[in-house]
N, C-alpha and C. Protein backbone atom coordinates (compact mmCIF):
# COMPACT_ATOMS: atom_id res chain seq x y z
N UNK A 1 60.51 -8.45 29.21
CA UNK A 1 60.11 -8.23 27.84
C UNK A 1 59.99 -6.73 27.53
N UNK A 2 59.42 -5.97 28.49
CA UNK A 2 59.28 -4.53 28.26
C UNK A 2 60.63 -3.85 28.13
N UNK A 3 61.61 -4.33 28.88
CA UNK A 3 62.94 -3.73 28.79
C UNK A 3 63.59 -4.03 27.44
N UNK A 4 63.40 -5.23 26.93
CA UNK A 4 63.93 -5.56 25.61
C UNK A 4 63.29 -4.68 24.55
N UNK A 5 61.97 -4.52 24.63
CA UNK A 5 61.28 -3.63 23.69
C UNK A 5 61.73 -2.18 23.88
N UNK A 6 61.97 -1.79 25.13
CA UNK A 6 62.45 -0.44 25.42
C UNK A 6 63.82 -0.19 24.82
N UNK A 7 64.70 -1.18 24.92
CA UNK A 7 66.03 -1.07 24.32
C UNK A 7 65.90 -0.95 22.80
N UNK A 8 65.04 -1.76 22.21
CA UNK A 8 64.84 -1.72 20.76
C UNK A 8 64.28 -0.37 20.32
N UNK A 9 63.23 0.10 20.99
CA UNK A 9 62.61 1.37 20.61
C UNK A 9 63.57 2.54 20.81
N UNK A 10 64.29 2.55 21.93
CA UNK A 10 65.26 3.61 22.18
C UNK A 10 66.42 3.53 21.19
N UNK A 11 66.79 2.32 20.81
CA UNK A 11 67.83 2.13 19.81
C UNK A 11 67.41 2.67 18.45
N UNK A 12 66.14 2.49 18.10
CA UNK A 12 65.63 3.06 16.85
C UNK A 12 65.69 4.58 16.88
N UNK A 13 65.35 5.17 18.03
CA UNK A 13 65.47 6.62 18.18
C UNK A 13 66.91 7.06 18.01
N UNK A 14 67.81 6.35 18.65
CA UNK A 14 69.24 6.68 18.57
C UNK A 14 69.72 6.56 17.12
N UNK A 15 69.34 5.49 16.46
CA UNK A 15 69.73 5.30 15.06
C UNK A 15 69.19 6.43 14.18
N UNK A 16 67.93 6.80 14.39
CA UNK A 16 67.31 7.90 13.66
C UNK A 16 68.09 9.20 13.88
N UNK A 17 68.46 9.45 15.12
CA UNK A 17 69.19 10.69 15.45
C UNK A 17 70.58 10.71 14.83
N UNK A 18 71.22 9.58 14.81
CA UNK A 18 72.58 9.52 14.26
C UNK A 18 72.58 9.55 12.73
N UNK A 19 71.56 9.00 12.10
CA UNK A 19 71.52 8.95 10.64
C UNK A 19 71.02 10.25 10.02
N UNK A 20 70.20 11.00 10.73
CA UNK A 20 69.64 12.24 10.17
C UNK A 20 70.71 13.20 9.67
N UNK A 21 71.77 13.49 10.45
CA UNK A 21 72.78 14.42 9.94
C UNK A 21 73.58 13.85 8.76
N UNK A 22 73.62 12.53 8.63
CA UNK A 22 74.39 11.91 7.56
C UNK A 22 73.65 11.82 6.23
N UNK A 23 72.32 11.96 6.26
CA UNK A 23 71.54 11.80 5.04
C UNK A 23 71.97 12.72 3.90
N UNK A 24 72.17 14.02 4.14
CA UNK A 24 72.61 14.87 3.03
C UNK A 24 73.97 14.43 2.46
N UNK A 25 74.85 13.98 3.33
CA UNK A 25 76.17 13.54 2.89
C UNK A 25 76.06 12.29 2.02
N UNK A 26 75.14 11.42 2.40
CA UNK A 26 74.97 10.16 1.67
C UNK A 26 74.02 10.29 0.48
N UNK A 27 73.55 11.51 0.25
CA UNK A 27 72.64 11.73 -0.87
C UNK A 27 71.21 11.37 -0.55
N UNK A 28 70.88 11.28 0.71
CA UNK A 28 69.54 10.88 1.12
C UNK A 28 68.57 12.03 1.14
N UNK A 29 68.11 12.39 0.00
CA UNK A 29 67.09 13.43 -0.09
C UNK A 29 65.85 12.79 -0.66
N UNK A 30 64.86 13.55 -0.87
CA UNK A 30 63.62 12.99 -1.41
C UNK A 30 62.77 12.41 -0.30
N UNK A 31 62.18 11.26 -0.56
CA UNK A 31 61.24 10.65 0.39
C UNK A 31 61.93 10.30 1.70
N UNK A 32 63.11 9.69 1.63
CA UNK A 32 63.82 9.31 2.86
C UNK A 32 64.18 10.54 3.68
N UNK A 33 64.65 11.57 3.02
CA UNK A 33 64.98 12.81 3.72
C UNK A 33 63.76 13.45 4.34
N UNK A 34 62.65 13.43 3.64
CA UNK A 34 61.41 14.00 4.16
C UNK A 34 60.92 13.21 5.37
N UNK A 35 61.03 11.90 5.32
CA UNK A 35 60.63 11.07 6.46
C UNK A 35 61.48 11.35 7.69
N UNK A 36 62.76 11.54 7.50
CA UNK A 36 63.66 11.81 8.62
C UNK A 36 63.31 13.11 9.32
N UNK A 37 62.84 14.09 8.59
CA UNK A 37 62.54 15.39 9.17
C UNK A 37 61.09 15.52 9.63
N UNK A 38 60.25 14.58 9.29
CA UNK A 38 58.82 14.65 9.60
C UNK A 38 58.58 14.55 11.10
N UNK A 39 57.82 15.50 11.63
CA UNK A 39 57.50 15.51 13.06
C UNK A 39 56.66 14.29 13.45
N UNK A 40 55.86 13.78 12.53
CA UNK A 40 55.05 12.59 12.80
C UNK A 40 55.95 11.40 13.11
N UNK A 41 57.06 11.27 12.40
CA UNK A 41 58.00 10.18 12.65
C UNK A 41 58.59 10.31 14.05
N UNK A 42 58.89 11.53 14.47
CA UNK A 42 59.42 11.74 15.82
C UNK A 42 58.42 11.27 16.87
N UNK A 43 57.17 11.62 16.68
CA UNK A 43 56.13 11.19 17.62
C UNK A 43 55.91 9.68 17.55
N UNK A 44 55.99 9.13 16.36
CA UNK A 44 55.81 7.69 16.18
C UNK A 44 56.90 6.91 16.91
N UNK A 45 58.10 7.45 16.95
CA UNK A 45 59.19 6.81 17.70
C UNK A 45 59.09 7.10 19.19
N UNK A 46 58.68 8.32 19.54
CA UNK A 46 58.68 8.75 20.93
C UNK A 46 57.58 8.10 21.78
N UNK A 47 56.40 7.95 21.24
CA UNK A 47 55.27 7.45 22.03
C UNK A 47 55.55 6.06 22.62
N UNK A 48 56.00 5.08 21.83
CA UNK A 48 56.29 3.77 22.45
C UNK A 48 57.43 3.84 23.46
N UNK A 49 58.42 4.69 23.20
CA UNK A 49 59.55 4.82 24.13
C UNK A 49 59.05 5.30 25.49
N UNK A 50 58.21 6.32 25.49
CA UNK A 50 57.69 6.87 26.75
C UNK A 50 56.77 5.86 27.43
N UNK A 51 55.90 5.22 26.68
CA UNK A 51 54.98 4.23 27.26
C UNK A 51 55.76 3.08 27.89
N UNK A 52 56.78 2.60 27.19
CA UNK A 52 57.59 1.50 27.74
C UNK A 52 58.33 1.93 29.01
N UNK A 53 58.82 3.16 29.04
CA UNK A 53 59.49 3.66 30.25
C UNK A 53 58.51 3.75 31.41
N UNK A 54 57.33 4.27 31.14
CA UNK A 54 56.33 4.42 32.20
C UNK A 54 55.80 3.09 32.73
N UNK A 55 55.78 2.09 31.88
CA UNK A 55 55.26 0.78 32.33
C UNK A 55 56.36 -0.12 32.88
N UNK A 56 57.59 0.10 32.49
CA UNK A 56 58.66 -0.79 32.90
C UNK A 56 59.32 -0.38 34.22
N UNK A 57 59.75 0.87 34.30
CA UNK A 57 60.58 1.27 35.44
C UNK A 57 59.88 1.27 36.80
N UNK A 58 58.69 1.84 36.94
CA UNK A 58 58.09 1.85 38.29
C UNK A 58 57.85 0.45 38.86
N UNK A 59 57.28 -0.43 38.06
CA UNK A 59 56.99 -1.79 38.55
C UNK A 59 58.27 -2.54 38.88
N UNK A 60 59.28 -2.41 38.03
CA UNK A 60 60.54 -3.11 38.27
C UNK A 60 61.27 -2.55 39.48
N UNK A 61 61.25 -1.24 39.63
CA UNK A 61 61.96 -0.63 40.76
C UNK A 61 61.33 -1.00 42.10
N UNK A 62 60.04 -1.28 42.09
CA UNK A 62 59.41 -1.77 43.32
C UNK A 62 59.97 -3.14 43.71
N UNK A 63 60.36 -3.92 42.70
CA UNK A 63 60.92 -5.25 42.97
C UNK A 63 62.39 -5.20 43.37
N UNK A 64 63.21 -4.44 42.62
CA UNK A 64 64.65 -4.48 42.90
C UNK A 64 65.14 -3.33 43.78
N UNK A 65 64.28 -2.37 44.07
CA UNK A 65 64.60 -1.28 45.00
C UNK A 65 65.78 -0.40 44.57
N UNK A 66 66.10 -0.35 43.29
CA UNK A 66 67.17 0.51 42.77
C UNK A 66 66.51 1.65 42.00
N UNK A 67 66.09 2.68 42.72
CA UNK A 67 65.31 3.76 42.13
C UNK A 67 66.14 4.66 41.22
N UNK A 68 67.45 4.58 41.31
CA UNK A 68 68.31 5.34 40.40
C UNK A 68 68.08 4.92 38.95
N UNK A 69 67.73 3.65 38.75
CA UNK A 69 67.45 3.15 37.40
C UNK A 69 66.26 3.91 36.82
N UNK A 70 65.22 4.09 37.62
CA UNK A 70 64.03 4.80 37.17
C UNK A 70 64.36 6.28 36.91
N UNK A 71 65.17 6.87 37.76
CA UNK A 71 65.54 8.28 37.58
C UNK A 71 66.31 8.46 36.27
N UNK A 72 67.25 7.56 36.01
CA UNK A 72 68.02 7.63 34.76
C UNK A 72 67.10 7.43 33.56
N UNK A 73 66.22 6.45 33.63
CA UNK A 73 65.29 6.18 32.53
C UNK A 73 64.35 7.33 32.26
N UNK A 74 63.75 7.87 33.31
CA UNK A 74 62.84 9.00 33.13
C UNK A 74 63.58 10.24 32.67
N UNK A 75 64.82 10.42 33.08
CA UNK A 75 65.63 11.55 32.60
C UNK A 75 65.85 11.42 31.09
N UNK A 76 66.12 10.21 30.64
CA UNK A 76 66.27 9.97 29.20
C UNK A 76 65.00 10.27 28.44
N UNK A 77 63.87 9.83 28.98
CA UNK A 77 62.59 10.08 28.33
C UNK A 77 62.30 11.58 28.28
N UNK A 78 62.59 12.29 29.36
CA UNK A 78 62.38 13.74 29.37
C UNK A 78 63.27 14.45 28.36
N UNK A 79 64.50 14.00 28.22
CA UNK A 79 65.39 14.58 27.22
C UNK A 79 64.83 14.37 25.80
N UNK A 80 64.28 13.19 25.54
CA UNK A 80 63.70 12.93 24.22
C UNK A 80 62.48 13.81 23.97
N UNK A 81 61.64 13.97 24.98
CA UNK A 81 60.48 14.85 24.83
C UNK A 81 60.96 16.30 24.64
N UNK A 82 61.93 16.71 25.43
CA UNK A 82 62.46 18.06 25.31
C UNK A 82 63.10 18.33 23.96
N UNK A 83 63.65 17.30 23.33
CA UNK A 83 64.28 17.47 22.02
C UNK A 83 63.28 17.90 20.95
N UNK A 84 62.00 17.64 21.20
CA UNK A 84 60.97 18.08 20.25
C UNK A 84 60.86 19.60 20.22
N UNK A 85 61.31 20.26 21.26
CA UNK A 85 61.11 21.70 21.41
C UNK A 85 62.36 22.53 21.15
N UNK A 86 63.45 21.89 20.77
CA UNK A 86 64.68 22.62 20.43
C UNK A 86 65.08 22.22 19.00
N UNK A 87 66.00 22.95 18.44
CA UNK A 87 66.41 22.67 17.06
C UNK A 87 67.92 22.61 16.95
N UNK A 88 68.37 22.12 15.82
CA UNK A 88 69.79 22.11 15.51
C UNK A 88 70.57 21.14 16.37
N UNK A 89 71.74 21.59 16.76
CA UNK A 89 72.65 20.73 17.52
C UNK A 89 72.08 20.35 18.88
N UNK A 90 71.27 21.22 19.48
CA UNK A 90 70.69 20.92 20.79
C UNK A 90 69.67 19.80 20.71
N UNK A 91 68.95 19.75 19.60
CA UNK A 91 68.01 18.64 19.40
C UNK A 91 68.78 17.32 19.28
N UNK A 92 69.85 17.36 18.53
CA UNK A 92 70.67 16.16 18.34
C UNK A 92 71.29 15.70 19.66
N UNK A 93 71.85 16.63 20.42
CA UNK A 93 72.48 16.29 21.70
C UNK A 93 71.44 15.71 22.68
N UNK A 94 70.30 16.39 22.80
CA UNK A 94 69.26 15.92 23.72
C UNK A 94 68.75 14.55 23.31
N UNK A 95 68.58 14.33 22.02
CA UNK A 95 68.06 13.06 21.53
C UNK A 95 69.05 11.92 21.76
N UNK A 96 70.31 12.16 21.46
CA UNK A 96 71.33 11.11 21.64
C UNK A 96 71.51 10.79 23.11
N UNK A 97 71.59 11.82 23.95
CA UNK A 97 71.72 11.57 25.40
C UNK A 97 70.48 10.87 25.95
N UNK A 98 69.31 11.33 25.54
CA UNK A 98 68.06 10.73 26.03
C UNK A 98 67.93 9.27 25.65
N UNK A 99 68.17 8.96 24.39
CA UNK A 99 68.08 7.57 23.94
C UNK A 99 69.15 6.72 24.61
N UNK A 100 70.36 7.27 24.76
CA UNK A 100 71.43 6.53 25.43
C UNK A 100 71.11 6.22 26.88
N UNK A 101 70.58 7.21 27.59
CA UNK A 101 70.19 6.99 28.99
C UNK A 101 69.10 5.93 29.10
N UNK A 102 68.15 5.97 28.20
CA UNK A 102 67.07 4.98 28.22
C UNK A 102 67.60 3.57 27.94
N UNK A 103 68.49 3.44 26.98
CA UNK A 103 69.05 2.13 26.67
C UNK A 103 69.79 1.57 27.89
N UNK A 104 70.61 2.40 28.51
CA UNK A 104 71.36 1.96 29.70
C UNK A 104 70.40 1.60 30.83
N UNK A 105 69.40 2.43 31.08
CA UNK A 105 68.46 2.17 32.17
C UNK A 105 67.68 0.88 31.93
N UNK A 106 67.20 0.67 30.71
CA UNK A 106 66.47 -0.57 30.42
C UNK A 106 67.39 -1.78 30.56
N UNK A 107 68.63 -1.66 30.13
CA UNK A 107 69.58 -2.77 30.23
C UNK A 107 69.85 -3.13 31.69
N UNK A 108 70.13 -2.10 32.51
CA UNK A 108 70.39 -2.33 33.95
C UNK A 108 69.14 -2.90 34.61
N UNK A 109 67.99 -2.33 34.28
CA UNK A 109 66.72 -2.80 34.83
C UNK A 109 66.51 -4.28 34.51
N UNK A 110 66.77 -4.65 33.27
CA UNK A 110 66.61 -6.04 32.85
C UNK A 110 67.55 -6.96 33.64
N UNK A 111 68.78 -6.55 33.82
CA UNK A 111 69.76 -7.35 34.56
C UNK A 111 69.33 -7.52 36.02
N UNK A 112 68.86 -6.45 36.63
CA UNK A 112 68.43 -6.54 38.04
C UNK A 112 67.23 -7.45 38.20
N UNK A 113 66.27 -7.39 37.28
CA UNK A 113 65.10 -8.27 37.35
C UNK A 113 65.51 -9.72 37.13
N UNK A 114 66.44 -9.96 36.20
CA UNK A 114 66.92 -11.33 35.97
C UNK A 114 67.64 -11.87 37.21
N UNK A 115 68.41 -11.01 37.87
CA UNK A 115 69.11 -11.43 39.08
C UNK A 115 68.11 -11.82 40.17
N UNK A 116 67.06 -11.05 40.32
CA UNK A 116 66.03 -11.37 41.31
C UNK A 116 65.34 -12.69 40.96
N UNK A 117 65.08 -12.91 39.68
CA UNK A 117 64.43 -14.15 39.25
C UNK A 117 65.30 -15.36 39.56
N UNK A 118 66.60 -15.22 39.46
CA UNK A 118 67.50 -16.34 39.77
C UNK A 118 67.51 -16.64 41.26
N UNK A 119 67.36 -15.62 42.07
CA UNK A 119 67.36 -15.80 43.52
C UNK A 119 66.04 -16.44 43.99
N UNK A 120 64.94 -16.05 43.37
CA UNK A 120 63.61 -16.56 43.78
C UNK A 120 63.46 -17.98 43.44
């Protein structure tokens, strides 16, 4: 369940990152544009992503013994946190890579846990 929520939360981050540069092109100014740029929104998206990563990966990796999944997931989370401290294209690159790594890590983690459940 945590991995599904992690995929959803990371997907929202990815969607936010991909839509932000398109808003001016699509005429998205005003309230929607202000929300996209608001630092509070970034934290609102980031906090559940980090909490889900911290609660999902360590416990799951103890079960399936594939610690690379945790490394990839935590790398994604660190990239998202780091994106708060850079601007412009670097923020976009760090955010897209971070969210993408988290989505992949949660997906692989979910598959490995399901495989173990089938064996047990």
